[in-house]
């Protein structure tokens, strides 16, 4: 079990093709701020049918994209 499972489940349940969350949104979902381990853990999201898109440090946002089979 990953510390990011709550976020992955949230993304899967959202269901949109493509959407953006702020770092504040992610902190609210997880209960803690994301850190550098997110970069290694993001591959886990593939099992939930999504992938992490653009991570903007400037805007403090993360894009999530649904994987089309």
C-alpha atoms as a PDB file:
ATOM      1  CA  UNK A   1       0.000   0.000   0.000  1.00  0.00           C
ATOM      2  CA  UNK A   2       1.297   3.408  -1.013  1.00  0.00           C
ATOM      3  CA  UNK A   3       0.937   6.620   0.957  1.00  0.00           C
ATOM      4  CA  UNK A   4      -0.611   8.043  -2.227  1.00  0.00           C
ATOM      5  CA  UNK A   5      -3.382   5.415  -2.569  1.00  0.00           C
ATOM      6  CA  UNK A   6      -5.999   7.893  -1.302  1.00  0.00           C
ATOM      7  CA  UNK A   7      -5.069  10.284  -4.107  1.00  0.00           C
ATOM      8  CA  UNK A   8      -5.034   7.544  -6.750  1.00  0.00           C
ATOM      9  CA  UNK A   9      -8.503   6.414  -5.666  1.00  0.00           C
ATOM     10  CA  UNK A  10      -9.741  10.021  -5.777  1.00  0.00           C
ATOM     11  CA  UNK A  11      -8.416  10.435  -9.331  1.00  0.00           C
ATOM     12  CA  UNK A  12     -10.002   7.154 -10.459  1.00  0.00           C
ATOM     13  CA  UNK A  13     -13.363   8.039  -8.897  1.00  0.00           C
ATOM     14  CA  UNK A  14     -13.338  11.489 -10.524  1.00  0.00           C
ATOM     15  CA  UNK A  15     -13.600   9.831 -13.937  1.00  0.00           C
ATOM     16  CA  UNK A  16     -12.845  12.844 -16.132  1.00  0.00           C
ATOM     17  CA  UNK A  17     -10.586  12.395 -19.144  1.00  0.00           C
ATOM     18  CA  UNK A  18      -8.200  15.116 -18.035  1.00  0.00           C
ATOM     19  CA  UNK A  19      -8.128  17.411 -15.019  1.00  0.00           C
ATOM     20  CA  UNK A  20      -5.824  19.455 -12.837  1.00  0.00           C
ATOM     21  CA  UNK A  21      -5.425  19.528  -9.059  1.00  0.00           C
ATOM     22  CA  UNK A  22      -3.507  22.104  -7.079  1.00  0.00           C
ATOM     23  CA  UNK A  23      -0.978  21.092  -4.462  1.00  0.00           C
ATOM     24  CA  UNK A  24      -3.478  22.397  -1.879  1.00  0.00           C
ATOM     25  CA  UNK A  25      -6.185  20.092  -3.305  1.00  0.00           C
ATOM     26  CA  UNK A  26      -3.781  17.168  -3.068  1.00  0.00           C
ATOM     27  CA  UNK A  27      -2.835  18.078   0.500  1.00  0.00           C
ATOM     28  CA  UNK A  28      -6.528  18.160   1.430  1.00  0.00           C
ATOM     29  CA  UNK A  29      -7.162  14.741  -0.160  1.00  0.00           C
ATOM     30  CA  UNK A  30      -4.116  13.070   1.398  1.00  0.00           C
ATOM     31  CA  UNK A  31      -3.957  14.879   4.718  1.00  0.00           C
ATOM     32  CA  UNK A  32      -0.316  15.798   4.087  1.00  0.00           C
ATOM     33  CA  UNK A  33       1.594  17.735   1.406  1.00  0.00           C
ATOM     34  CA  UNK A  34       3.081  15.820  -1.502  1.00  0.00           C
ATOM     35  CA  UNK A  35       6.855  15.565  -1.502  1.00  0.00           C
ATOM     36  CA  UNK A  36       9.624  14.309  -3.793  1.00  0.00           C
ATOM     37  CA  UNK A  37       8.479  10.707  -3.284  1.00  0.00           C
ATOM     38  CA  UNK A  38       5.504  11.625  -5.505  1.00  0.00           C
ATOM     39  CA  UNK A  39       7.812  11.516  -8.522  1.00  0.00           C
ATOM     40  CA  UNK A  40       8.642   7.865  -7.842  1.00  0.00           C
ATOM     41  CA  UNK A  41       5.107   6.921  -6.797  1.00  0.00           C
ATOM     42  CA  UNK A  42       3.319   8.458  -9.789  1.00  0.00           C
ATOM     43  CA  UNK A  43       3.784   5.264 -11.829  1.00  0.00           C
ATOM     44  CA  UNK A  44       1.410   3.546  -9.368  1.00  0.00           C
ATOM     45  CA  UNK A  45      -1.443   5.584 -10.859  1.00  0.00           C
ATOM     46  CA  UNK A  46      -1.276   3.519 -14.072  1.00  0.00           C
ATOM     47  CA  UNK A  47      -2.991   0.648 -12.224  1.00  0.00           C
ATOM     48  CA  UNK A  48      -5.942   3.000 -11.635  1.00  0.00           C
ATOM     49  CA  UNK A  49      -6.329   3.839 -15.345  1.00  0.00           C
ATOM     50  CA  UNK A  50      -4.650   7.250 -15.216  1.00  0.00           C
ATOM     51  CA  UNK A  51      -1.246   8.799 -15.627  1.00  0.00           C
ATOM     52  CA  UNK A  52       0.310  11.906 -14.179  1.00  0.00           C
ATOM     53  CA  UNK A  53       0.678  14.557 -16.862  1.00  0.00           C
ATOM     54  CA  UNK A  54       2.379  17.913 -16.468  1.00  0.00           C
ATOM     55  CA  UNK A  55       3.598  18.876 -13.016  1.00  0.00           C
ATOM     56  CA  UNK A  56       3.869  22.663 -12.822  1.00  0.00           C
ATOM     57  CA  UNK A  57       6.112  23.903 -10.037  1.00  0.00           C
ATOM     58  CA  UNK A  58       5.328  27.494 -10.993  1.00  0.00           C
ATOM     59  CA  UNK A  59       1.528  27.085 -10.799  1.00  0.00           C
ATOM     60  CA  UNK A  60       1.743  24.376  -8.106  1.00  0.00           C
ATOM     61  CA  UNK A  61      -0.556  22.054 -10.070  1.00  0.00           C
ATOM     62  CA  UNK A  62      -0.568  18.460 -11.278  1.00  0.00           C
ATOM     63  CA  UNK A  63      -2.403  17.309 -14.421  1.00  0.00           C
ATOM     64  CA  UNK A  64      -4.029  13.869 -14.505  1.00  0.00           C
ATOM     65  CA  UNK A  65      -4.901  12.102 -17.781  1.00  0.00           C
ATOM     66  CA  UNK A  66      -7.108   9.067 -18.275  1.00  0.00           C
ATOM     67  CA  UNK A  67      -5.453   6.229 -20.184  1.00  0.00           C
ATOM     68  CA  UNK A  68      -7.502   5.163 -23.183  1.00  0.00           C
ATOM     69  CA  UNK A  69      -7.288   1.452 -23.943  1.00  0.00           C
END
